[in-house]
Amino acid sequence: MYVHLEIEEKREKINLMMAELKKTLDLTTTEHMELTKKMNLEESEVEKAKLAFLVGQADAKVHALSVLMLHYCSGLQYSHEKIL
């Protein structure tokens, strides 16, 4: 990850990306919770099905963002180990 950069630059870039990922992850998690609440309160089966689909999409996005965060954490850990 960012192999062409010096270690300090690499760390800065990774930290920036992790901050952006965290914002997106927080927003998506909030959206997931709101959709779940709406789905549980909804009486119409058609609307429940639509909301269930949207909850599934938000869930998939949370999982994908979490995997990306793990990769960035791993890259950050690797850059710290290079200094020692």
PDB file of N, CA and C in Angstrom:
ATOM      1  N   MET A   1       0.841  -1.167   0.000  1.00  0.00           N
ATOM      2  CA  MET A   1       0.000   0.000   0.000  1.00  0.00           C
ATOM      3  C   MET A   1       0.892   1.238   0.000  1.00  0.00           C
ATOM      4  N   TYR A   2       0.761   2.045  -1.017  1.00  0.00           N
ATOM      5  CA  TYR A   2       1.558   3.261  -1.160  1.00  0.00           C
ATOM      6  C   TYR A   2       3.056   2.973  -1.056  1.00  0.00           C
ATOM      7  N   VAL A   3       3.502   1.942  -1.750  1.00  0.00           N
ATOM      8  CA  VAL A   3       4.901   1.519  -1.652  1.00  0.00           C
ATOM      9  C   VAL A   3       5.884   2.566  -2.162  1.00  0.00           C
ATOM     10  N   HIS A   4       5.436   3.457  -3.010  1.00  0.00           N
ATOM     11  CA  HIS A   4       6.320   4.467  -3.579  1.00  0.00           C
ATOM     12  C   HIS A   4       6.567   5.651  -2.631  1.00  0.00           C
ATOM     13  N   LEU A   5       5.855   5.703  -1.516  1.00  0.00           N
ATOM     14  CA  LEU A   5       5.981   6.831  -0.591  1.00  0.00           C
ATOM     15  C   LEU A   5       6.929   6.532   0.562  1.00  0.00           C
ATOM     16  N   GLU A   6       7.472   7.574   1.135  1.00  0.00           N
ATOM     17  CA  GLU A   6       8.265   7.437   2.359  1.00  0.00           C
ATOM     18  C   GLU A   6       7.311   7.049   3.492  1.00  0.00           C
ATOM     19  N   ILE A   7       7.870   6.509   4.553  1.00  0.00           N
ATOM     20  CA  ILE A   7       7.039   5.974   5.631  1.00  0.00           C
ATOM     21  C   ILE A   7       6.124   7.035   6.239  1.00  0.00           C
ATOM     22  N   GLU A   8       6.635   8.234   6.505  1.00  0.00           N
ATOM     23  CA  GLU A   8       5.795   9.291   7.092  1.00  0.00           C
ATOM     24  C   GLU A   8       4.661   9.693   6.151  1.00  0.00           C
ATOM     25  N   GLU A   9       4.967   9.831   4.866  1.00  0.00           N
ATOM     26  CA  GLU A   9       3.933  10.169   3.887  1.00  0.00           C
ATOM     27  C   GLU A   9       2.893   9.059   3.807  1.00  0.00           C
ATOM     28  N   LYS A  10       3.383   7.828   3.851  1.00  0.00           N
ATOM     29  CA  LYS A  10       2.494   6.669   3.791  1.00  0.00           C
ATOM     30  C   LYS A  10       1.537   6.686   4.978  1.00  0.00           C
ATOM     31  N   ARG A  11       2.083   6.942   6.172  1.00  0.00           N
ATOM     32  CA  ARG A  11       1.245   6.989   7.373  1.00  0.00           C
ATOM     33  C   ARG A  11       0.194   8.090   7.282  1.00  0.00           C
ATOM     34  N   GLU A  12       0.600   9.256   6.810  1.00  0.00           N
ATOM     35  CA  GLU A  12      -0.346  10.364   6.671  1.00  0.00           C
ATOM     36  C   GLU A  12      -1.479  10.003   5.715  1.00  0.00           C
ATOM     37  N   LYS A  13      -1.118   9.424   4.580  1.00  0.00           N
ATOM     38  CA  LYS A  13      -2.115   9.052   3.574  1.00  0.00           C
ATOM     39  C   LYS A  13      -3.076   7.989   4.127  1.00  0.00           C
ATOM     40  N   ILE A  14      -2.512   7.011   4.813  1.00  0.00           N
ATOM     41  CA  ILE A  14      -3.347   5.951   5.395  1.00  0.00           C
ATOM     42  C   ILE A  14      -4.270   6.534   6.457  1.00  0.00           C
ATOM     43  N   ASN A  15      -3.752   7.411   7.307  1.00  0.00           N
ATOM     44  CA  ASN A  15      -4.590   8.029   8.338  1.00  0.00           C
ATOM     45  C   ASN A  15      -5.715   8.858   7.734  1.00  0.00           C
ATOM     46  N   LEU A  16      -5.427   9.582   6.657  1.00  0.00           N
ATOM     47  CA  LEU A  16      -6.477  10.351   5.980  1.00  0.00           C
ATOM     48  C   LEU A  16      -7.557   9.433   5.421  1.00  0.00           C
ATOM     49  N   MET A  17      -7.140   8.357   4.792  1.00  0.00           N
ATOM     50  CA  MET A  17      -8.104   7.419   4.222  1.00  0.00           C
ATOM     51  C   MET A  17      -8.942   6.753   5.322  1.00  0.00           C
ATOM     52  N   MET A  18      -8.291   6.438   6.435  1.00  0.00           N
ATOM     53  CA  MET A  18      -9.018   5.820   7.543  1.00  0.00           C
ATOM     54  C   MET A  18     -10.046   6.792   8.124  1.00  0.00           C
ATOM     55  N   ALA A  19      -9.707   8.067   8.193  1.00  0.00           N
ATOM     56  CA  ALA A  19     -10.655   9.068   8.695  1.00  0.00           C
ATOM     57  C   ALA A  19     -11.871   9.164   7.765  1.00  0.00           C
ATOM     58  N   GLU A  20     -11.612   9.165   6.454  1.00  0.00           N
ATOM     59  CA  GLU A  20     -12.711   9.202   5.481  1.00  0.00           C
ATOM     60  C   GLU A  20     -13.568   7.940   5.571  1.00  0.00           C
ATOM     61  N   LEU A  21     -12.906   6.809   5.693  1.00  0.00           N
ATOM     62  CA  LEU A  21     -13.644   5.546   5.820  1.00  0.00           C
ATOM     63  C   LEU A  21     -14.510   5.545   7.077  1.00  0.00           C
ATOM     64  N   LYS A  22     -13.964   6.065   8.173  1.00  0.00           N
ATOM     65  CA  LYS A  22     -14.720   6.101   9.424  1.00  0.00           C
ATOM     66  C   LYS A  22     -15.968   6.961   9.277  1.00  0.00           C
ATOM     67  N   LYS A  23     -15.841   8.113   8.627  1.00  0.00           N
ATOM     68  CA  LYS A  23     -17.012   8.980   8.399  1.00  0.00           C
ATOM     69  C   LYS A  23     -18.078   8.230   7.606  1.00  0.00           C
ATOM     70  N   THR A  24     -17.640   7.603   6.525  1.00  0.00           N
ATOM     71  CA  THR A  24     -18.574   6.879   5.666  1.00  0.00           C
ATOM     72  C   THR A  24     -19.190   5.698   6.410  1.00  0.00           C
ATOM     73  N   LEU A  25     -18.379   5.006   7.179  1.00  0.00           N
ATOM     74  CA  LEU A  25     -18.865   3.867   7.957  1.00  0.00           C
ATOM     75  C   LEU A  25     -19.886   4.321   9.000  1.00  0.00           C
ATOM     76  N   ASP A  26     -19.604   5.421   9.668  1.00  0.00           N
ATOM     77  CA  ASP A  26     -20.554   5.956  10.657  1.00  0.00           C
ATOM     78  C   ASP A  26     -21.874   6.342  10.005  1.00  0.00           C
ATOM     79  N   LEU A  27     -21.805   7.027   8.864  1.00  0.00           N
ATOM     80  CA  LEU A  27     -23.029   7.427   8.154  1.00  0.00           C
ATOM     81  C   LEU A  27     -23.833   6.209   7.701  1.00  0.00           C
ATOM     82  N   THR A  28     -23.139   5.226   7.180  1.00  0.00           N
ATOM     83  CA  THR A  28     -23.816   4.023   6.684  1.00  0.00           C
ATOM     84  C   THR A  28     -24.429   3.228   7.828  1.00  0.00           C
ATOM     85  N   THR A  29     -23.736   3.174   8.949  1.00  0.00           N
ATOM     86  CA  THR A  29     -24.268   2.471  10.118  1.00  0.00           C
ATOM     87  C   THR A  29     -25.523   3.166  10.638  1.00  0.00           C
ATOM     88  N   THR A  30     -25.488   4.490  10.660  1.00  0.00           N
ATOM     89  CA  THR A  30     -26.663   5.262  11.082  1.00  0.00           C
ATOM     90  C   THR A  30     -27.833   5.022  10.131  1.00  0.00           C
ATOM     91  N   GLU A  31     -27.531   5.045   8.832  1.00  0.00           N
ATOM     92  CA  GLU A  31     -28.566   4.786   7.826  1.00  0.00           C
ATOM     93  C   GLU A  31     -29.156   3.391   8.018  1.00  0.00           C
ATOM     94  N   HIS A  32     -28.307   2.415   8.283  1.00  0.00           N
ATOM     95  CA  HIS A  32     -28.751   1.038   8.504  1.00  0.00           C
ATOM     96  C   HIS A  32     -29.718   0.969   9.690  1.00  0.00           C
ATOM     97  N   MET A  33     -29.343   1.637  10.792  1.00  0.00           N
ATOM     98  CA  MET A  33     -30.196   1.620  11.984  1.00  0.00           C
ATOM     99  C   MET A  33     -31.540   2.294  11.722  1.00  0.00           C
ATOM    100  N   GLU A  34     -31.517   3.419  11.015  1.00  0.00           N
ATOM    101  CA  GLU A  34     -32.764   4.132  10.707  1.00  0.00           C
ATOM    102  C   GLU A  34     -33.674   3.306   9.805  1.00  0.00           C
ATOM    103  N   LEU A  35     -33.079   2.666   8.813  1.00  0.00           N
ATOM    104  CA  LEU A  35     -33.880   1.820   7.920  1.00  0.00           C
ATOM    105  C   LEU A  35     -34.477   0.637   8.672  1.00  0.00           C
ATOM    106  N   THR A  36     -33.705   0.066   9.578  1.00  0.00           N
ATOM    107  CA  THR A  36     -34.196  -1.062  10.367  1.00  0.00           C
ATOM    108  C   THR A  36     -35.368  -0.638  11.247  1.00  0.00           C
ATOM    109  N   LYS A  37     -35.248   0.532  11.863  1.00  0.00           N
ATOM    110  CA  LYS A  37     -36.351   1.044  12.689  1.00  0.00           C
ATOM    111  C   LYS A  37     -37.602   1.255  11.846  1.00  0.00           C
ATOM    112  N   LYS A  38     -37.442   1.884  10.669  1.00  0.00           N
ATOM    113  CA  LYS A  38     -38.581   2.120   9.776  1.00  0.00           C
ATOM    114  C   LYS A  38     -39.230   0.800   9.372  1.00  0.00           C
ATOM    115  N   MET A  39     -38.378  -0.178   9.056  1.00  0.00           N
ATOM    116  CA  MET A  39     -38.888  -1.475   8.617  1.00  0.00           C
ATOM    117  C   MET A  39     -39.710  -2.133   9.728  1.00  0.00           C
ATOM    118  N   ASN A  40     -39.236  -2.020  10.970  1.00  0.00           N
ATOM    119  CA  ASN A  40     -39.951  -2.639  12.087  1.00  0.00           C
ATOM    120  C   ASN A  40     -41.276  -1.941  12.393  1.00  0.00           C
ATOM    121  N   LEU A  41     -41.371  -0.660  12.059  1.00  0.00           N
ATOM    122  CA  LEU A  41     -42.611   0.086  12.307  1.00  0.00           C
ATOM    123  C   LEU A  41     -43.598   0.021  11.145  1.00  0.00           C
ATOM    124  N   GLU A  42     -43.103  -0.349   9.987  1.00  0.00           N
ATOM    125  CA  GLU A  42     -43.922  -0.366   8.763  1.00  0.00           C
ATOM    126  C   GLU A  42     -44.953  -1.485   8.829  1.00  0.00           C
ATOM    127  N   GLU A  43     -46.160  -1.164   8.368  1.00  0.00           N
ATOM    128  CA  GLU A  43     -47.237  -2.159   8.353  1.00  0.00           C
ATOM    129  C   GLU A  43     -47.414  -2.782   6.977  1.00  0.00           C
ATOM    130  N   SER A  44     -47.162  -2.010   5.933  1.00  0.00           N
ATOM    131  CA  SER A  44     -47.329  -2.499   4.572  1.00  0.00           C
ATOM    132  C   SER A  44     -46.227  -3.508   4.234  1.00  0.00           C
ATOM    133  N   GLU A  45     -46.650  -4.669   3.773  1.00  0.00           N
ATOM    134  CA  GLU A  45     -45.673  -5.711   3.422  1.00  0.00           C
ATOM    135  C   GLU A  45     -44.794  -5.296   2.243  1.00  0.00           C
ATOM    136  N   VAL A  46     -45.379  -4.543   1.319  1.00  0.00           N
ATOM    137  CA  VAL A  46     -44.622  -4.072   0.156  1.00  0.00           C
ATOM    138  C   VAL A  46     -43.520  -3.113   0.616  1.00  0.00           C
ATOM    139  N   GLU A  47     -43.881  -2.186   1.492  1.00  0.00           N
ATOM    140  CA  GLU A  47     -42.891  -1.229   2.006  1.00  0.00           C
ATOM    141  C   GLU A  47     -41.843  -1.933   2.861  1.00  0.00           C
ATOM    142  N   LYS A  48     -42.281  -2.934   3.638  1.00  0.00           N
ATOM    143  CA  LYS A  48     -41.328  -3.705   4.446  1.00  0.00           C
ATOM    144  C   LYS A  48     -40.304  -4.398   3.554  1.00  0.00           C
ATOM    145  N   ALA A  49     -40.773  -4.932   2.442  1.00  0.00           N
ATOM    146  CA  ALA A  49     -39.876  -5.614   1.510  1.00  0.00           C
ATOM    147  C   ALA A  49     -38.875  -4.634   0.907  1.00  0.00           C
ATOM    148  N   LYS A  50     -39.339  -3.441   0.546  1.00  0.00           N
ATOM    149  CA  LYS A  50     -38.431  -2.415   0.003  1.00  0.00           C
ATOM    150  C   LYS A  50     -37.387  -2.022   1.039  1.00  0.00           C
ATOM    151  N   LEU A  51     -37.863  -1.806   2.264  1.00  0.00           N
ATOM    152  CA  LEU A  51     -36.938  -1.418   3.327  1.00  0.00           C
ATOM    153  C   LEU A  51     -35.952  -2.544   3.660  1.00  0.00           C
ATOM    154  N   ALA A  52     -36.429  -3.782   3.607  1.00  0.00           N
ATOM    155  CA  ALA A  52     -35.544  -4.921   3.868  1.00  0.00           C
ATOM    156  C   ALA A  52     -34.430  -4.978   2.827  1.00  0.00           C
ATOM    157  N   PHE A  53     -34.779  -4.683   1.581  1.00  0.00           N
ATOM    158  CA  PHE A  53     -33.777  -4.642   0.518  1.00  0.00           C
ATOM    159  C   PHE A  53     -32.745  -3.556   0.801  1.00  0.00           C
ATOM    160  N   LEU A  54     -33.209  -2.374   1.195  1.00  0.00           N
ATOM    161  CA  LEU A  54     -32.302  -1.263   1.499  1.00  0.00           C
ATOM    162  C   LEU A  54     -31.432  -1.565   2.722  1.00  0.00           C
ATOM    163  N   VAL A  55     -31.998  -2.250   3.708  1.00  0.00           N
ATOM    164  CA  VAL A  55     -31.218  -2.662   4.884  1.00  0.00           C
ATOM    165  C   VAL A  55     -30.120  -3.622   4.453  1.00  0.00           C
ATOM    166  N   GLY A  56     -30.457  -4.540   3.566  1.00  0.00           N
ATOM    167  CA  GLY A  56     -29.465  -5.494   3.054  1.00  0.00           C
ATOM    168  C   GLY A  56     -28.340  -4.789   2.317  1.00  0.00           C
ATOM    169  N   GLN A  57     -28.682  -3.773   1.535  1.00  0.00           N
ATOM    170  CA  GLN A  57     -27.651  -3.008   0.821  1.00  0.00           C
ATOM    171  C   GLN A  57     -26.759  -2.252   1.797  1.00  0.00           C
ATOM    172  N   ALA A  58     -27.365  -1.638   2.800  1.00  0.00           N
ATOM    173  CA  ALA A  58     -26.587  -0.908   3.804  1.00  0.00           C
ATOM    174  C   ALA A  58     -25.680  -1.870   4.579  1.00  0.00           C
ATOM    175  N   ASP A  59     -26.196  -3.046   4.866  1.00  0.00           N
ATOM    176  CA  ASP A  59     -25.418  -4.066   5.580  1.00  0.00           C
ATOM    177  C   ASP A  59     -24.207  -4.493   4.755  1.00  0.00           C
ATOM    178  N   ALA A  60     -24.416  -4.710   3.471  1.00  0.00           N
ATOM    179  CA  ALA A  60     -23.304  -5.095   2.590  1.00  0.00           C
ATOM    180  C   ALA A  60     -22.252  -3.989   2.522  1.00  0.00           C
ATOM    181  N   LYS A  61     -22.723  -2.742   2.500  1.00  0.00           N
ATOM    182  CA  LYS A  61     -21.800  -1.611   2.447  1.00  0.00           C
ATOM    183  C   LYS A  61     -20.989  -1.521   3.749  1.00  0.00           C
ATOM    184  N   VAL A  62     -21.635  -1.743   4.890  1.00  0.00           N
ATOM    185  CA  VAL A  62     -20.929  -1.731   6.180  1.00  0.00           C
ATOM    186  C   VAL A  62     -19.846  -2.803   6.193  1.00  0.00           C
ATOM    187  N   HIS A  63     -20.174  -3.981   5.704  1.00  0.00           N
ATOM    188  CA  HIS A  63     -19.189  -5.072   5.667  1.00  0.00           C
ATOM    189  C   HIS A  63     -18.013  -4.718   4.755  1.00  0.00           C
ATOM    190  N   ALA A  64     -18.299  -4.182   3.586  1.00  0.00           N
ATOM    191  CA  ALA A  64     -17.237  -3.824   2.644  1.00  0.00           C
ATOM    192  C   ALA A  64     -16.335  -2.725   3.224  1.00  0.00           C
ATOM    193  N   LEU A  65     -16.939  -1.725   3.844  1.00  0.00           N
ATOM    194  CA  LEU A  65     -16.151  -0.652   4.451  1.00  0.00           C
ATOM    195  C   LEU A  65     -15.305  -1.173   5.615  1.00  0.00           C
ATOM    196  N   SER A  66     -15.841  -2.127   6.345  1.00  0.00           N
ATOM    197  CA  SER A  66     -15.090  -2.727   7.461  1.00  0.00           C
ATOM    198  C   SER A  66     -13.864  -3.475   6.961  1.00  0.00           C
ATOM    199  N   VAL A  67     -14.020  -4.183   5.859  1.00  0.00           N
ATOM    200  CA  VAL A  67     -12.879  -4.895   5.268  1.00  0.00           C
ATOM    201  C   VAL A  67     -11.815  -3.902   4.805  1.00  0.00           C
ATOM    202  N   LEU A  68     -12.256  -2.822   4.176  1.00  0.00           N
ATOM    203  CA  LEU A  68     -11.302  -1.787   3.762  1.00  0.00           C
ATOM    204  C   LEU A  68     -10.573  -1.203   4.966  1.00  0.00           C
ATOM    205  N   MET A  69     -11.304  -0.957   6.042  1.00  0.00           N
ATOM    206  CA  MET A  69     -10.689  -0.410   7.250  1.00  0.00           C
ATOM    207  C   MET A  69      -9.640  -1.374   7.799  1.00  0.00           C
ATOM    208  N   LEU A  70      -9.931  -2.653   7.769  1.00  0.00           N
ATOM    209  CA  LEU A  70      -8.953  -3.649   8.228  1.00  0.00           C
ATOM    210  C   LEU A  70      -7.684  -3.613   7.382  1.00  0.00           C
ATOM    211  N   HIS A  71      -7.841  -3.452   6.088  1.00  0.00           N
ATOM    212  CA  HIS A  71      -6.673  -3.376   5.209  1.00  0.00           C
ATOM    213  C   HIS A  71      -5.834  -2.135   5.512  1.00  0.00           C
ATOM    214  N   TYR A  72      -6.506  -1.021   5.727  1.00  0.00           N
ATOM    215  CA  TYR A  72      -5.760   0.200   6.062  1.00  0.00           C
ATOM    216  C   TYR A  72      -5.090   0.081   7.425  1.00  0.00           C
ATOM    217  N   CYS A  73      -5.756  -0.542   8.391  1.00  0.00           N
ATOM    218  CA  CYS A  73      -5.138  -0.762   9.713  1.00  0.00           C
ATOM    219  C   CYS A  73      -3.898  -1.637   9.579  1.00  0.00           C
ATOM    220  N   SER A  74      -4.005  -2.648   8.751  1.00  0.00           N
ATOM    221  CA  SER A  74      -2.872  -3.536   8.507  1.00  0.00           C
ATOM    222  C   SER A  74      -1.714  -2.769   7.872  1.00  0.00           C
ATOM    223  N   GLY A  75      -2.013  -1.917   6.907  1.00  0.00           N
ATOM    224  CA  GLY A  75      -0.981  -1.104   6.267  1.00  0.00           C
ATOM    225  C   GLY A  75      -0.331  -0.148   7.236  1.00  0.00           C
ATOM    226  N   LEU A  76      -1.126   0.421   8.125  1.00  0.00           N
ATOM    227  CA  LEU A  76      -0.590   1.330   9.135  1.00  0.00           C
ATOM    228  C   LEU A  76       0.304   0.581  10.116  1.00  0.00           C
ATOM    229  N   GLN A  77      -0.140  -0.600  10.532  1.00  0.00           N
ATOM    230  CA  GLN A  77       0.678  -1.414  11.434  1.00  0.00           C
ATOM    231  C   GLN A  77       2.000  -1.789  10.769  1.00  0.00           C
ATOM    232  N   TYR A  78       1.940  -2.150   9.512  1.00  0.00           N
ATOM    233  CA  TYR A  78       3.136  -2.515   8.765  1.00  0.00           C
ATOM    234  C   TYR A  78       4.111  -1.337   8.695  1.00  0.00           C
ATOM    235  N   SER A  79       3.575  -0.135   8.490  1.00  0.00           N
ATOM    236  CA  SER A  79       4.457   1.033   8.405  1.00  0.00           C
ATOM    237  C   SER A  79       5.092   1.346   9.758  1.00  0.00           C
ATOM    238  N   HIS A  80       4.399   1.054  10.843  1.00  0.00           N
ATOM    239  CA  HIS A  80       4.979   1.247  12.175  1.00  0.00           C
ATOM    240  C   HIS A  80       6.079   0.219  12.441  1.00  0.00           C
ATOM    241  N   GLU A  81       5.865  -1.004  11.974  1.00  0.00           N
ATOM    242  CA  GLU A  81       6.870  -2.050  12.182  1.00  0.00           C
ATOM    243  C   GLU A  81       8.144  -1.768  11.398  1.00  0.00           C
ATOM    244  N   LYS A  82       8.022  -1.094  10.258  1.00  0.00           N
ATOM    245  CA  LYS A  82       9.192  -0.765   9.441  1.00  0.00           C
ATOM    246  C   LYS A  82      10.132   0.190  10.171  1.00  0.00           C
ATOM    247  N   ILE A  83       9.582   1.035  11.034  1.00  0.00           N
ATOM    248  CA  ILE A  83      10.403   2.001  11.765  1.00  0.00           C
ATOM    249  C   ILE A  83      11.203   1.301  12.855  1.00  0.00           C
ATOM    250  N   LEU A  84      10.602   0.329  13.501  1.00  0.00           N
ATOM    251  CA  LEU A  84      11.274  -0.371  14.596  1.00  0.00           C
ATOM    252  C   LEU A  84      12.310  -1.264  14.035  1.00  0.00           C
TER     253      LEU A  84
END
